[in-house]
Amino acid sequence: MIHTYQIENLTFQTGDIICTMNGKPDILPGEFWRLIGRLVPGDVDHVAIYVGPNGRCVEAGARGVITFNVPHGHWDTERMARQRGLLFDTLYGVSSPLDGLQLKEEEEHEMRQIVAAYCLAQVGKPYNLNFLNAETEETFYCSQLAYKAYQQIGINLNTGLAMEQLPGTNSIVYPQEIWDGFSHRAVESIQLKLGSGQLATDPSL
């Protein structure tokens, strides 16, 4: 079944990718995660996959692959932190790799179900610390889980992004390339900051 859910006024469907920035500037643990996010190229530091029903999502984090719930359509990172291994982050937007492919409704629904089923089947597996190995299915990091899920339906989320002067890092699947490479929509607060250039200049973010 395909589920639809609103998070911070953005519409998510089963299989859509939730994109976040590490950290939340107004809380101390959020500052720690913001600094961790500086190690990842771009503004988007983390991804999860919306599966439904209601606010159910799947992600790979410090506790391995888990499910968690987004309550009442609000990305309340403090409230969700205990479920998520004390990860604190800020919602950036939604990436929808199937948008714009002009698929028949039945075909798109089947693909979304395959993506969701793959993610749910990985729950309980440990975190992958070897970011260079995105092909393993024994362990997962966040964007690798989305990459492997979409690989099941013939979509490659690895666009070849690499860290400058570090050979081989194009094998890493970065959250930012999932955002940049596919149809996406930012939350309103991020849209305003992008429009003002604040994300690139504001050290509090």
N, C-alpha and C. Protein backbone atom coordinates (compact mmCIF):
# COMPACT_ATOMS: atom_id res chain seq x y z
N MET A 1 0.84 -1.19 0.00
CA MET A 1 0.00 0.00 0.00
C MET A 1 0.88 1.25 0.00
N ILE A 2 0.46 2.28 -0.72
CA ILE A 2 1.19 3.54 -0.76
C ILE A 2 0.55 4.50 0.24
N HIS A 3 1.39 5.04 1.12
CA HIS A 3 0.92 5.95 2.15
C HIS A 3 1.38 7.37 1.83
N THR A 4 0.59 8.33 2.27
CA THR A 4 0.90 9.75 2.11
C THR A 4 0.86 10.40 3.49
N TYR A 5 1.82 11.29 3.75
CA TYR A 5 1.92 11.90 5.08
C TYR A 5 2.52 13.29 4.94
N GLN A 6 2.03 14.22 5.72
CA GLN A 6 2.57 15.58 5.73
C GLN A 6 3.56 15.74 6.88
N ILE A 7 4.76 16.23 6.54
CA ILE A 7 5.74 16.58 7.56
C ILE A 7 6.14 18.02 7.31
N GLU A 8 5.86 18.89 8.26
CA GLU A 8 6.16 20.33 8.12
C GLU A 8 5.62 20.88 6.79
N ASN A 9 4.40 20.49 6.48
CA ASN A 9 3.69 20.97 5.29
C ASN A 9 4.27 20.45 3.97
N LEU A 10 5.18 19.51 4.02
CA LEU A 10 5.65 18.83 2.82
C LEU A 10 4.95 17.49 2.72
N THR A 11 4.54 17.10 1.52
CA THR A 11 3.88 15.82 1.32
C THR A 11 4.90 14.75 0.98
N PHE A 12 4.88 13.67 1.75
CA PHE A 12 5.74 12.51 1.51
C PHE A 12 4.88 11.33 1.11
N GLN A 13 5.38 10.55 0.15
CA GLN A 13 4.76 9.28 -0.21
C GLN A 13 5.73 8.15 0.10
N THR A 14 5.18 6.97 0.28
CA THR A 14 6.01 5.78 0.53
C THR A 14 7.17 5.73 -0.47
N GLY A 15 8.38 5.61 0.06
CA GLY A 15 9.58 5.54 -0.77
C GLY A 15 10.31 6.85 -0.94
N ASP A 16 9.67 7.97 -0.61
CA ASP A 16 10.35 9.26 -0.70
C ASP A 16 11.47 9.34 0.33
N ILE A 17 12.46 10.17 0.04
CA ILE A 17 13.65 10.26 0.87
C ILE A 17 13.63 11.56 1.67
N ILE A 18 13.67 11.43 2.97
CA ILE A 18 13.71 12.57 3.88
C ILE A 18 15.16 13.05 3.98
N CYS A 19 15.39 14.32 3.71
CA CYS A 19 16.74 14.89 3.75
C CYS A 19 16.83 15.86 4.93
N THR A 20 17.90 15.75 5.70
CA THR A 20 18.06 16.59 6.88
C THR A 20 19.47 17.17 6.96
N MET A 21 19.60 18.20 7.77
CA MET A 21 20.90 18.74 8.15
C MET A 21 21.18 18.33 9.58
N ASN A 22 22.39 17.85 9.85
CA ASN A 22 22.75 17.51 11.21
C ASN A 22 22.69 18.75 12.10
N GLY A 23 22.21 18.56 13.31
CA GLY A 23 22.23 19.62 14.29
C GLY A 23 20.94 20.39 14.40
N LYS A 24 20.83 21.07 15.52
CA LYS A 24 19.73 21.99 15.78
C LYS A 24 20.34 23.10 16.63
N PRO A 25 20.48 24.30 16.08
CA PRO A 25 21.31 25.32 16.71
C PRO A 25 20.92 25.72 18.12
N ASP A 26 19.65 25.54 18.53
CA ASP A 26 19.23 26.05 19.83
C ASP A 26 19.35 25.04 20.96
N ILE A 27 19.94 23.85 20.70
CA ILE A 27 20.16 22.88 21.78
C ILE A 27 21.60 22.38 21.72
N LEU A 28 22.19 22.11 22.89
CA LEU A 28 23.61 21.75 22.96
C LEU A 28 23.94 20.47 22.19
N PRO A 29 23.16 19.35 22.35
CA PRO A 29 23.49 18.15 21.55
C PRO A 29 23.41 18.41 20.05
N GLY A 30 22.54 19.34 19.66
CA GLY A 30 22.42 19.68 18.25
C GLY A 30 23.69 20.32 17.71
N GLU A 31 24.41 21.06 18.55
CA GLU A 31 25.67 21.66 18.13
C GLU A 31 26.71 20.58 17.81
N PHE A 32 26.72 19.51 18.61
CA PHE A 32 27.64 18.40 18.34
C PHE A 32 27.35 17.80 16.97
N TRP A 33 26.07 17.52 16.69
CA TRP A 33 25.73 16.91 15.40
C TRP A 33 25.96 17.87 14.24
N ARG A 34 25.83 19.18 14.51
CA ARG A 34 26.11 20.16 13.46
C ARG A 34 27.58 20.09 13.05
N LEU A 35 28.47 19.93 14.03
CA LEU A 35 29.90 19.82 13.73
C LEU A 35 30.21 18.54 12.98
N ILE A 36 29.54 17.44 13.33
CA ILE A 36 29.71 16.19 12.59
C ILE A 36 29.29 16.38 11.14
N GLY A 37 28.22 17.13 10.94
CA GLY A 37 27.72 17.38 9.59
C GLY A 37 28.69 18.14 8.71
N ARG A 38 29.59 18.89 9.33
CA ARG A 38 30.58 19.64 8.55
C ARG A 38 31.52 18.71 7.78
N LEU A 39 31.61 17.44 8.20
CA LEU A 39 32.50 16.48 7.53
C LEU A 39 31.91 15.97 6.22
N VAL A 40 30.61 16.20 6.01
CA VAL A 40 29.92 15.67 4.84
C VAL A 40 29.75 16.79 3.82
N PRO A 41 30.06 16.57 2.54
CA PRO A 41 29.90 17.64 1.54
C PRO A 41 28.46 18.11 1.43
N GLY A 42 28.29 19.45 1.33
CA GLY A 42 26.97 20.02 1.10
C GLY A 42 26.20 20.29 2.38
N ASP A 43 24.98 20.79 2.20
CA ASP A 43 24.12 21.14 3.33
C ASP A 43 23.38 19.93 3.88
N VAL A 44 23.06 18.97 3.01
CA VAL A 44 22.30 17.78 3.44
C VAL A 44 23.27 16.75 4.01
N ASP A 45 23.06 16.39 5.28
CA ASP A 45 24.00 15.50 5.98
C ASP A 45 23.45 14.10 6.22
N HIS A 46 22.14 13.94 6.13
CA HIS A 46 21.53 12.68 6.54
C HIS A 46 20.26 12.45 5.75
N VAL A 47 19.93 11.18 5.52
CA VAL A 47 18.66 10.85 4.87
C VAL A 47 17.98 9.70 5.60
N ALA A 48 16.67 9.65 5.47
CA ALA A 48 15.85 8.53 5.93
C ALA A 48 14.82 8.27 4.84
N ILE A 49 14.13 7.16 4.93
CA ILE A 49 13.14 6.82 3.91
C ILE A 49 11.77 6.76 4.58
N TYR A 50 10.82 7.50 4.01
CA TYR A 50 9.46 7.42 4.51
C TYR A 50 8.79 6.18 3.95
N VAL A 51 8.20 5.36 4.83
CA VAL A 51 7.52 4.14 4.38
C VAL A 51 6.04 4.14 4.72
N GLY A 52 5.65 4.78 5.85
CA GLY A 52 4.27 4.74 6.29
C GLY A 52 3.96 3.41 6.97
N PRO A 53 2.74 3.24 7.51
CA PRO A 53 1.68 4.25 7.52
C PRO A 53 1.97 5.36 8.52
N ASN A 54 1.17 6.41 8.46
CA ASN A 54 1.33 7.57 9.32
C ASN A 54 2.77 8.07 9.23
N GLY A 55 3.46 8.26 10.36
CA GLY A 55 4.79 8.86 10.32
C GLY A 55 5.94 7.88 10.36
N ARG A 56 5.72 6.63 9.99
CA ARG A 56 6.79 5.63 10.10
C ARG A 56 7.86 5.81 9.02
N CYS A 57 9.11 5.80 9.46
CA CYS A 57 10.27 5.96 8.57
C CYS A 57 11.31 4.91 8.91
N VAL A 58 12.26 4.72 7.99
CA VAL A 58 13.39 3.82 8.21
C VAL A 58 14.67 4.63 7.98
N GLU A 59 15.66 4.41 8.84
CA GLU A 59 16.95 5.06 8.64
C GLU A 59 18.08 4.19 9.16
N ALA A 60 19.28 4.44 8.67
CA ALA A 60 20.49 3.81 9.17
C ALA A 60 21.28 4.86 9.93
N GLY A 61 21.49 4.62 11.21
CA GLY A 61 22.22 5.57 12.06
C GLY A 61 23.06 4.82 13.07
N ALA A 62 23.38 5.49 14.16
CA ALA A 62 24.27 4.92 15.17
C ALA A 62 23.76 3.60 15.73
N ARG A 63 22.44 3.41 15.77
CA ARG A 63 21.85 2.17 16.29
C ARG A 63 21.65 1.13 15.19
N GLY A 64 22.19 1.38 14.01
CA GLY A 64 21.97 0.49 12.88
C GLY A 64 20.71 0.90 12.14
N VAL A 65 20.12 -0.04 11.42
CA VAL A 65 18.90 0.25 10.66
C VAL A 65 17.69 0.09 11.59
N ILE A 66 16.94 1.17 11.71
CA ILE A 66 15.80 1.19 12.64
C ILE A 66 14.58 1.81 11.96
N THR A 67 13.43 1.62 12.57
CA THR A 67 12.25 2.40 12.22
C THR A 67 12.04 3.44 13.32
N PHE A 68 11.48 4.56 12.93
CA PHE A 68 11.10 5.57 13.92
C PHE A 68 9.85 6.27 13.41
N ASN A 69 9.21 7.02 14.29
CA ASN A 69 7.96 7.67 13.94
C ASN A 69 8.08 9.18 14.05
N VAL A 70 7.58 9.88 13.03
CA VAL A 70 7.50 11.35 13.06
C VAL A 70 6.12 11.70 13.60
N PRO A 71 6.03 12.24 14.81
CA PRO A 71 4.71 12.42 15.43
C PRO A 71 3.97 13.65 14.91
N HIS A 72 2.70 13.46 14.59
CA HIS A 72 1.78 14.56 14.28
C HIS A 72 2.28 15.47 13.16
N GLY A 73 3.06 14.91 12.23
CA GLY A 73 3.52 15.69 11.10
C GLY A 73 4.54 16.76 11.42
N HIS A 74 5.17 16.66 12.59
CA HIS A 74 6.12 17.69 13.03
C HIS A 74 7.49 17.06 13.26
N TRP A 75 8.53 17.62 12.61
CA TRP A 75 9.90 17.10 12.78
C TRP A 75 10.45 17.61 14.11
N ASP A 76 10.04 16.93 15.19
CA ASP A 76 10.43 17.30 16.55
C ASP A 76 11.64 16.45 16.93
N THR A 77 12.84 16.95 16.60
CA THR A 77 14.04 16.13 16.74
C THR A 77 14.32 15.75 18.18
N GLU A 78 13.97 16.64 19.14
CA GLU A 78 14.17 16.28 20.55
C GLU A 78 13.27 15.12 20.95
N ARG A 79 12.02 15.17 20.50
CA ARG A 79 11.08 14.11 20.86
C ARG A 79 11.45 12.77 20.22
N MET A 80 12.04 12.83 19.02
CA MET A 80 12.39 11.60 18.30
C MET A 80 13.77 11.07 18.67
N ALA A 81 14.56 11.83 19.42
CA ALA A 81 15.97 11.50 19.64
C ALA A 81 16.18 10.15 20.30
N ARG A 82 15.33 9.81 21.25
CA ARG A 82 15.52 8.53 21.95
C ARG A 82 15.32 7.35 21.01
N GLN A 83 14.36 7.47 20.09
CA GLN A 83 14.15 6.41 19.10
C GLN A 83 15.36 6.27 18.18
N ARG A 84 16.03 7.41 17.92
CA ARG A 84 17.01 7.49 16.83
C ARG A 84 18.46 7.48 17.32
N GLY A 85 18.71 7.03 18.54
CA GLY A 85 20.09 6.97 19.02
C GLY A 85 20.68 8.34 19.27
N LEU A 86 19.86 9.25 19.79
CA LEU A 86 20.27 10.61 20.13
C LEU A 86 20.80 11.39 18.95
N LEU A 87 20.24 11.14 17.78
CA LEU A 87 20.54 11.95 16.60
C LEU A 87 19.65 13.20 16.62
N PHE A 88 20.27 14.36 16.50
CA PHE A 88 19.54 15.62 16.44
C PHE A 88 19.77 16.24 15.08
N ASP A 89 18.69 16.53 14.35
CA ASP A 89 18.84 17.11 13.03
C ASP A 89 17.65 18.00 12.69
N THR A 90 17.79 18.72 11.59
CA THR A 90 16.79 19.67 11.14
C THR A 90 16.29 19.25 9.77
N LEU A 91 14.99 19.19 9.59
CA LEU A 91 14.43 18.78 8.30
C LEU A 91 14.83 19.78 7.22
N TYR A 92 15.35 19.27 6.11
CA TYR A 92 15.75 20.08 4.96
C TYR A 92 14.71 20.01 3.85
N GLY A 93 14.24 18.79 3.54
CA GLY A 93 13.24 18.64 2.50
C GLY A 93 13.04 17.20 2.10
N VAL A 94 12.40 17.00 0.96
CA VAL A 94 12.10 15.67 0.45
C VAL A 94 12.70 15.51 -0.93
N SER A 95 13.35 14.39 -1.17
CA SER A 95 13.83 14.02 -2.50
C SER A 95 12.96 12.88 -3.01
N SER A 96 12.49 13.03 -4.26
CA SER A 96 11.58 12.04 -4.85
C SER A 96 12.15 11.56 -6.18
N PRO A 97 13.02 10.54 -6.16
CA PRO A 97 13.67 10.10 -7.41
C PRO A 97 12.71 9.62 -8.49
N LEU A 98 11.48 9.25 -8.14
CA LEU A 98 10.54 8.77 -9.15
C LEU A 98 9.77 9.90 -9.84
N ASP A 99 9.83 11.10 -9.27
CA ASP A 99 9.11 12.21 -9.87
C ASP A 99 9.69 12.54 -11.24
N GLY A 100 8.83 12.84 -12.18
CA GLY A 100 9.27 13.26 -13.50
C GLY A 100 9.61 12.13 -14.45
N LEU A 101 9.46 10.88 -14.01
CA LEU A 101 9.78 9.75 -14.88
C LEU A 101 8.61 9.34 -15.77
N GLN A 102 7.48 9.99 -15.58
CA GLN A 102 6.28 9.73 -16.39
C GLN A 102 5.89 8.25 -16.35
N LEU A 103 5.90 7.71 -15.15
CA LEU A 103 5.52 6.32 -14.95
C LEU A 103 4.00 6.20 -14.85
N LYS A 104 3.48 5.06 -15.26
CA LYS A 104 2.07 4.77 -15.01
C LYS A 104 1.89 4.63 -13.50
N GLU A 105 0.70 4.98 -13.02
CA GLU A 105 0.45 4.98 -11.59
C GLU A 105 0.73 3.61 -10.97
N GLU A 106 0.28 2.54 -11.65
CA GLU A 106 0.48 1.20 -11.11
C GLU A 106 1.97 0.86 -11.01
N GLU A 107 2.74 1.26 -12.03
CA GLU A 107 4.17 0.99 -12.05
C GLU A 107 4.88 1.76 -10.94
N GLU A 108 4.52 3.03 -10.78
CA GLU A 108 5.15 3.83 -9.73
C GLU A 108 4.82 3.27 -8.34
N HIS A 109 3.59 2.88 -8.13
CA HIS A 109 3.20 2.33 -6.84
C HIS A 109 3.97 1.04 -6.54
N GLU A 110 4.15 0.21 -7.54
CA GLU A 110 4.91 -1.02 -7.35
C GLU A 110 6.35 -0.71 -6.97
N MET A 111 6.95 0.29 -7.64
CA MET A 111 8.33 0.67 -7.33
C MET A 111 8.45 1.21 -5.91
N ARG A 112 7.50 2.03 -5.53
CA ARG A 112 7.54 2.59 -4.18
C ARG A 112 7.42 1.48 -3.13
N GLN A 113 6.59 0.50 -3.40
CA GLN A 113 6.44 -0.61 -2.46
C GLN A 113 7.72 -1.44 -2.38
N ILE A 114 8.41 -1.62 -3.50
CA ILE A 114 9.67 -2.37 -3.51
C ILE A 114 10.71 -1.65 -2.67
N VAL A 115 10.81 -0.33 -2.83
CA VAL A 115 11.76 0.47 -2.06
C VAL A 115 11.47 0.34 -0.57
N ALA A 116 10.21 0.50 -0.19
CA ALA A 116 9.84 0.42 1.22
C ALA A 116 10.09 -0.98 1.79
N ALA A 117 9.73 -2.00 1.04
CA ALA A 117 9.92 -3.37 1.51
C ALA A 117 11.40 -3.69 1.71
N TYR A 118 12.25 -3.19 0.80
CA TYR A 118 13.69 -3.42 0.94
C TYR A 118 14.20 -2.77 2.23
N CYS A 119 13.82 -1.53 2.46
CA CYS A 119 14.28 -0.83 3.66
C CYS A 119 13.82 -1.54 4.93
N LEU A 120 12.57 -1.94 4.96
CA LEU A 120 12.05 -2.62 6.15
C LEU A 120 12.74 -3.96 6.38
N ALA A 121 13.14 -4.62 5.30
CA ALA A 121 13.81 -5.92 5.42
C ALA A 121 15.21 -5.79 6.02
N GLN A 122 15.77 -4.58 6.02
CA GLN A 122 17.12 -4.38 6.56
C GLN A 122 17.12 -3.97 8.03
N VAL A 123 15.94 -3.73 8.60
CA VAL A 123 15.86 -3.30 10.00
C VAL A 123 16.54 -4.32 10.90
N GLY A 124 17.38 -3.82 11.79
CA GLY A 124 18.13 -4.68 12.71
C GLY A 124 19.57 -4.88 12.30
N LYS A 125 19.93 -4.54 11.06
CA LYS A 125 21.31 -4.68 10.61
C LYS A 125 22.16 -3.53 11.16
N PRO A 126 23.46 -3.76 11.37
CA PRO A 126 24.31 -2.74 12.00
C PRO A 126 24.71 -1.63 11.05
N TYR A 127 25.30 -0.58 11.66
CA TYR A 127 25.75 0.58 10.90
C TYR A 127 27.03 0.25 10.14
N ASN A 128 27.15 0.82 8.95
CA ASN A 128 28.33 0.59 8.11
C ASN A 128 29.31 1.74 8.28
N LEU A 129 30.44 1.49 8.91
CA LEU A 129 31.47 2.51 9.10
C LEU A 129 32.40 2.62 7.90
N ASN A 130 32.33 1.66 6.99
CA ASN A 130 33.18 1.69 5.79
C ASN A 130 32.40 2.36 4.66
N PHE A 131 32.44 3.68 4.64
CA PHE A 131 31.64 4.44 3.69
C PHE A 131 32.02 4.15 2.24
N LEU A 132 33.24 3.66 2.02
CA LEU A 132 33.69 3.37 0.66
C LEU A 132 33.01 2.13 0.09
N ASN A 133 32.44 1.30 0.97
CA ASN A 133 31.77 0.08 0.52
C ASN A 133 30.27 0.27 0.57
N ALA A 134 29.74 0.83 -0.50
CA ALA A 134 28.29 1.08 -0.57
C ALA A 134 27.53 -0.12 -1.11
N GLU A 135 28.24 -1.17 -1.52
CA GLU A 135 27.57 -2.31 -2.15
C GLU A 135 27.22 -3.43 -1.18
N THR A 136 27.81 -3.42 0.01
CA THR A 136 27.48 -4.46 0.98
C THR A 136 26.01 -4.36 1.39
N GLU A 137 25.42 -5.48 1.71
CA GLU A 137 24.06 -5.51 2.25
C GLU A 137 24.03 -6.11 3.64
N GLU A 138 25.22 -6.16 4.26
CA GLU A 138 25.32 -6.66 5.63
C GLU A 138 25.25 -5.53 6.65
N THR A 139 25.72 -4.36 6.26
CA THR A 139 25.70 -3.17 7.10
C THR A 139 25.32 -1.97 6.23
N PHE A 140 24.80 -0.91 6.87
CA PHE A 140 24.32 0.24 6.09
C PHE A 140 24.64 1.55 6.79
N TYR A 141 25.03 2.56 5.99
CA TYR A 141 24.95 3.94 6.46
C TYR A 141 23.75 4.60 5.78
N CYS A 142 23.41 5.80 6.18
CA CYS A 142 22.09 6.36 5.84
C CYS A 142 21.81 6.41 4.34
N SER A 143 22.69 7.06 3.59
CA SER A 143 22.43 7.22 2.15
C SER A 143 22.68 5.94 1.38
N GLN A 144 23.50 5.06 1.93
CA GLN A 144 23.70 3.74 1.30
C GLN A 144 22.40 2.94 1.33
N LEU A 145 21.64 3.04 2.42
CA LEU A 145 20.36 2.32 2.51
C LEU A 145 19.41 2.78 1.41
N ALA A 146 19.33 4.09 1.21
CA ALA A 146 18.48 4.61 0.12
C ALA A 146 19.01 4.16 -1.23
N TYR A 147 20.32 4.21 -1.40
CA TYR A 147 20.97 3.80 -2.65
C TYR A 147 20.65 2.35 -3.00
N LYS A 148 20.80 1.46 -2.02
CA LYS A 148 20.55 0.04 -2.29
C LYS A 148 19.06 -0.22 -2.52
N ALA A 149 18.20 0.52 -1.83
CA ALA A 149 16.76 0.34 -2.01
C ALA A 149 16.34 0.73 -3.43
N TYR A 150 16.84 1.87 -3.89
CA TYR A 150 16.48 2.31 -5.24
C TYR A 150 17.18 1.50 -6.32
N GLN A 151 18.29 0.88 -5.97
CA GLN A 151 18.97 -0.03 -6.91
C GLN A 151 18.05 -1.19 -7.28
N GLN A 152 17.16 -1.56 -6.37
CA GLN A 152 16.23 -2.67 -6.63
C GLN A 152 15.27 -2.37 -7.76
N ILE A 153 15.07 -1.08 -8.06
CA ILE A 153 14.14 -0.71 -9.13
C ILE A 153 14.88 -0.04 -10.29
N GLY A 154 16.19 -0.23 -10.34
CA GLY A 154 16.97 0.24 -11.48
C GLY A 154 17.34 1.71 -11.48
N ILE A 155 17.29 2.37 -10.31
CA ILE A 155 17.66 3.78 -10.21
C ILE A 155 18.94 3.90 -9.39
N ASN A 156 19.95 4.55 -9.95
CA ASN A 156 21.25 4.71 -9.30
C ASN A 156 21.32 6.09 -8.64
N LEU A 157 21.36 6.12 -7.32
CA LEU A 157 21.43 7.38 -6.58
C LEU A 157 22.86 7.91 -6.45
N ASN A 158 23.85 7.12 -6.87
CA ASN A 158 25.24 7.57 -6.80
C ASN A 158 25.58 8.33 -8.07
N THR A 159 25.67 9.65 -7.97
CA THR A 159 25.93 10.50 -9.13
C THR A 159 27.41 10.77 -9.35
N GLY A 160 28.28 10.20 -8.48
CA GLY A 160 29.71 10.36 -8.67
C GLY A 160 30.33 11.50 -7.89
N LEU A 161 29.59 12.12 -6.97
CA LEU A 161 30.16 13.17 -6.13
C LEU A 161 31.34 12.63 -5.35
N ALA A 162 32.40 13.43 -5.24
CA ALA A 162 33.60 13.01 -4.51
C ALA A 162 34.16 14.18 -3.72
N MET A 163 34.93 13.87 -2.66
CA MET A 163 35.66 14.89 -1.94
C MET A 163 36.91 15.26 -2.73
N GLU A 164 37.16 16.54 -2.86
CA GLU A 164 38.31 16.99 -3.63
C GLU A 164 39.61 16.42 -3.07
N GLN A 165 40.48 15.98 -3.97
CA GLN A 165 41.82 15.49 -3.66
C GLN A 165 41.82 14.24 -2.79
N LEU A 166 40.69 13.52 -2.76
CA LEU A 166 40.64 12.24 -2.04
C LEU A 166 40.17 11.18 -3.01
N PRO A 167 41.11 10.50 -3.69
CA PRO A 167 40.75 9.51 -4.71
C PRO A 167 39.87 8.40 -4.14
N GLY A 168 38.90 7.98 -4.94
CA GLY A 168 38.05 6.86 -4.55
C GLY A 168 36.81 7.24 -3.79
N THR A 169 36.72 8.52 -3.36
CA THR A 169 35.56 8.90 -2.55
C THR A 169 34.28 9.05 -3.37
N ASN A 170 34.39 8.92 -4.69
CA ASN A 170 33.17 8.93 -5.51
C ASN A 170 32.37 7.65 -5.34
N SER A 171 32.95 6.64 -4.70
CA SER A 171 32.20 5.42 -4.42
C SER A 171 31.27 5.58 -3.23
N ILE A 172 31.51 6.63 -2.44
CA ILE A 172 30.61 6.93 -1.33
C ILE A 172 29.31 7.53 -1.88
N VAL A 173 28.20 7.13 -1.32
CA VAL A 173 26.92 7.75 -1.69
C VAL A 173 26.63 8.82 -0.64
N TYR A 174 26.67 10.07 -1.06
CA TYR A 174 26.50 11.20 -0.14
C TYR A 174 25.04 11.64 -0.09
N PRO A 175 24.56 12.05 1.08
CA PRO A 175 23.20 12.60 1.15
C PRO A 175 22.99 13.77 0.19
N GLN A 176 24.00 14.62 0.04
CA GLN A 176 23.85 15.80 -0.81
C GLN A 176 23.59 15.43 -2.26
N GLU A 177 24.21 14.34 -2.75
CA GLU A 177 24.00 14.01 -4.16
C GLU A 177 22.61 13.43 -4.40
N ILE A 178 22.02 12.85 -3.38
CA ILE A 178 20.63 12.40 -3.50
C ILE A 178 19.71 13.61 -3.64
N TRP A 179 20.05 14.67 -2.93
CA TRP A 179 19.28 15.91 -3.04
C TRP A 179 19.51 16.58 -4.39
N ASP A 180 20.77 16.76 -4.75
CA ASP A 180 21.10 17.49 -5.97
C ASP A 180 20.70 16.75 -7.25
N GLY A 181 20.76 15.42 -7.20
CA GLY A 181 20.60 14.64 -8.42
C GLY A 181 19.18 14.32 -8.82
N PHE A 182 18.22 14.61 -7.93
CA PHE A 182 16.86 14.16 -8.20
C PHE A 182 15.85 15.23 -7.78
N SER A 183 14.61 15.04 -8.23
CA SER A 183 13.55 15.99 -7.91
C SER A 183 13.45 16.17 -6.39
N HIS A 184 13.33 17.42 -5.95
CA HIS A 184 13.31 17.67 -4.51
C HIS A 184 12.51 18.92 -4.20
N ARG A 185 12.07 19.01 -2.95
CA ARG A 185 11.36 20.17 -2.44
C ARG A 185 11.86 20.44 -1.03
N ALA A 186 12.24 21.70 -0.77
CA ALA A 186 12.73 22.08 0.55
C ALA A 186 11.59 22.57 1.43
N VAL A 187 11.76 22.44 2.74
CA VAL A 187 10.79 23.04 3.66
C VAL A 187 10.86 24.56 3.52
N GLU A 188 9.81 25.23 3.92
CA GLU A 188 9.71 26.67 3.69
C GLU A 188 10.87 27.44 4.32
N SER A 189 11.25 27.06 5.55
CA SER A 189 12.33 27.79 6.23
C SER A 189 13.65 27.66 5.48
N ILE A 190 13.90 26.50 4.88
CA ILE A 190 15.12 26.30 4.10
C ILE A 190 15.04 27.07 2.79
N GLN A 191 13.87 27.09 2.16
CA GLN A 191 13.69 27.86 0.93
C GLN A 191 14.05 29.33 1.15
N LEU A 192 13.60 29.88 2.29
CA LEU A 192 13.89 31.28 2.59
C LEU A 192 15.38 31.50 2.79
N LYS A 193 16.05 30.56 3.47
CA LYS A 193 17.48 30.72 3.72
C LYS A 193 18.29 30.53 2.45
N LEU A 194 17.84 29.61 1.61
CA LEU A 194 18.52 29.44 0.32
C LEU A 194 18.38 30.70 -0.52
N GLY A 195 17.21 31.29 -0.49
CA GLY A 195 16.98 32.49 -1.28
C GLY A 195 17.82 33.67 -0.81
N SER A 196 18.10 33.73 0.50
CA SER A 196 18.88 34.83 1.04
C SER A 196 20.38 34.53 1.06
N GLY A 197 20.75 33.28 0.74
CA GLY A 197 22.15 32.88 0.81
C GLY A 197 22.61 32.60 2.23
N GLN A 198 21.68 32.53 3.19
CA GLN A 198 22.04 32.38 4.59
C GLN A 198 22.70 31.05 4.89
N LEU A 199 22.30 29.98 4.19
CA LEU A 199 22.88 28.67 4.47
C LEU A 199 24.38 28.66 4.21
N ALA A 200 24.82 29.41 3.23
CA ALA A 200 26.24 29.43 2.91
C ALA A 200 27.04 30.35 3.81
N THR A 201 26.36 31.30 4.48
CA THR A 201 27.11 32.32 5.20
C THR A 201 26.87 32.33 6.69
N ASP A 202 25.78 31.76 7.16
CA ASP A 202 25.42 31.84 8.56
C ASP A 202 26.13 30.75 9.36
N PRO A 203 27.07 31.07 10.25
CA PRO A 203 27.81 30.05 11.00
C PRO A 203 26.97 29.34 12.04
N SER A 204 25.77 29.83 12.31
CA SER A 204 24.90 29.17 13.29
C SER A 204 24.21 27.96 12.72
N LEU A 205 24.30 27.75 11.39
CA LEU A 205 23.59 26.64 10.75
C LEU A 205 24.51 25.45 10.55
